[in-house]
Amino acid sequence: DRPRADARASYSPRTSSPAVLVQGRGRVNSEPFALGGGQYRVSWAVQKSGCVVGSAFLKQLPSGFPSEELFSTDVDAGEAPTGTSYVYGVESGSYFIRATGDCDWSVRLQAL
């Protein structure tokens, strides 16, 4: 399956900062997307699809470094874990998400 990536900026009524939503399935690298730098709230979700573990990392182009773990979770039968984490000191530039595991997943990055 080809990864699904949606890197369109959207705006929340609570803030004027753009958010980036990236979605995919399994072990993939997402399409590149831009971040403006600073601090970000990361909202993530893993959809149960016969998987047992899922994780995702934020990586900067072109080298993939630095790398920041966004989430790592075990998926129990019937669960669809979600969570929130934060990343700090993000440099302005192009990024991608590297996902592991065999789950459907989504990551939303919202500038703080």
Protein backbone atom coordinates (compact mmCIF):
# COMPACT_ATOMS: atom_id res chain seq x y z
CA ASP A 1 0.00 0.00 0.00
CA ARG A 2 1.15 3.50 -0.75
CA PRO A 3 1.35 5.76 2.31
CA ARG A 4 -1.34 8.37 2.69
CA ALA A 5 0.08 11.77 3.53
CA ASP A 6 -1.91 14.96 3.87
CA ALA A 7 0.36 17.89 4.56
CA ARG A 8 -2.13 20.64 3.85
CA ALA A 9 -2.11 23.40 6.44
CA SER A 10 -5.35 23.79 8.33
CA TYR A 11 -6.31 26.33 10.96
CA SER A 12 -7.91 25.73 14.31
CA PRO A 13 -10.39 28.30 15.66
CA ARG A 14 -8.35 28.48 18.89
CA THR A 15 -5.11 29.53 17.20
CA SER A 16 -3.84 30.97 13.96
CA SER A 17 -0.94 28.52 13.79
CA PRO A 18 -1.12 25.99 10.95
CA ALA A 19 -1.39 22.30 11.72
CA VAL A 20 0.02 19.42 9.67
CA LEU A 21 -1.79 16.08 9.49
CA VAL A 22 0.12 13.04 8.22
CA GLN A 23 -1.50 9.61 7.88
CA GLY A 24 -0.15 6.28 6.74
CA ARG A 25 -0.21 2.52 6.99
CA GLY A 26 2.60 0.31 8.19
CA ARG A 27 6.33 0.83 7.86
CA VAL A 28 6.64 3.84 5.59
CA ASN A 29 8.27 7.20 5.14
CA SER A 30 5.64 9.90 4.60
CA GLU A 31 5.72 12.50 1.89
CA PRO A 32 7.77 15.58 2.90
CA PHE A 33 6.09 18.52 4.61
CA ALA A 34 7.27 21.89 5.93
CA LEU A 35 7.45 23.01 9.56
CA GLY A 36 8.05 26.60 10.55
CA GLY A 37 10.19 25.80 13.57
CA GLY A 38 9.62 26.18 17.30
CA GLN A 39 7.49 24.00 19.59
CA TYR A 40 4.76 21.58 18.52
CA ARG A 41 1.97 19.61 20.17
CA VAL A 42 1.80 16.13 18.64
CA SER A 43 -1.58 14.36 18.65
CA TRP A 44 -1.29 10.78 17.46
CA ALA A 45 -3.55 7.80 16.90
CA VAL A 46 -3.05 4.17 15.96
CA GLN A 47 -5.97 2.34 14.40
CA LYS A 48 -6.18 -1.36 15.18
CA SER A 49 -5.56 -3.35 12.03
CA GLY A 50 -4.08 -6.61 13.27
CA CYS A 51 -0.91 -4.92 14.50
CA VAL A 52 0.83 -5.31 17.82
CA VAL A 53 3.12 -2.29 17.99
CA GLY A 54 3.44 1.08 16.32
CA SER A 55 5.82 4.02 16.52
CA ALA A 56 6.66 7.13 14.56
CA PHE A 57 9.63 9.46 14.32
CA LEU A 58 9.91 13.04 13.04
CA LYS A 59 12.95 13.30 10.76
CA GLN A 60 14.45 16.31 9.02
CA LEU A 61 15.34 16.24 5.33
CA PRO A 62 17.66 15.56 3.64
CA SER A 63 19.62 13.39 6.10
CA GLY A 64 16.89 12.12 8.43
CA PHE A 65 18.72 13.71 11.38
CA PRO A 66 17.95 14.90 13.90
CA SER A 67 15.27 12.34 14.72
CA GLU A 68 12.57 12.80 17.37
CA GLU A 69 10.35 9.95 18.56
CA LEU A 70 6.71 11.07 18.41
CA PHE A 71 5.15 7.93 19.88
CA SER A 72 5.72 4.26 20.59
CA THR A 73 2.86 2.05 21.72
CA ASP A 74 1.77 -1.55 22.11
CA VAL A 75 -1.63 -2.30 20.64
CA ASP A 76 -3.77 -4.74 22.61
CA ALA A 77 -6.70 -6.58 21.05
CA GLY A 78 -9.61 -4.24 20.40
CA GLU A 79 -7.69 -1.09 21.32
CA ALA A 80 -7.00 2.00 19.23
CA PRO A 81 -4.46 3.97 21.28
CA THR A 82 -4.18 7.75 21.07
CA GLY A 83 -1.96 10.24 22.83
CA THR A 84 -0.30 13.62 22.98
CA SER A 85 3.37 14.48 23.14
CA TYR A 86 5.46 17.59 22.52
CA VAL A 87 8.56 18.40 20.51
CA TYR A 88 10.76 21.42 21.20
CA GLY A 89 13.48 23.30 19.35
CA VAL A 90 12.28 22.22 15.90
CA GLU A 91 14.24 24.00 13.17
CA SER A 92 12.39 25.49 10.23
CA GLY A 93 12.63 23.14 7.25
CA SER A 94 11.35 20.06 5.46
CA TYR A 95 10.46 16.94 7.43
CA PHE A 96 8.96 13.48 7.06
CA ILE A 97 7.49 10.88 9.39
CA ARG A 98 9.11 7.44 9.56
CA ALA A 99 6.63 4.93 10.94
CA THR A 100 7.33 1.41 12.17
CA GLY A 101 4.99 -1.47 12.84
CA ASP A 102 2.10 -2.56 10.67
CA CYS A 103 -0.67 -0.28 11.97
CA ASP A 104 -2.71 2.46 10.37
CA TRP A 105 -1.58 5.68 12.06
CA SER A 106 -2.00 9.44 12.06
CA VAL A 107 0.08 12.28 13.48
CA ARG A 108 -1.07 15.90 13.81
CA LEU A 109 1.57 18.55 14.54
CA GLN A 110 0.22 21.85 15.89
CA ALA A 111 2.55 24.82 16.44
CA LEU A 112 2.37 26.20 19.98
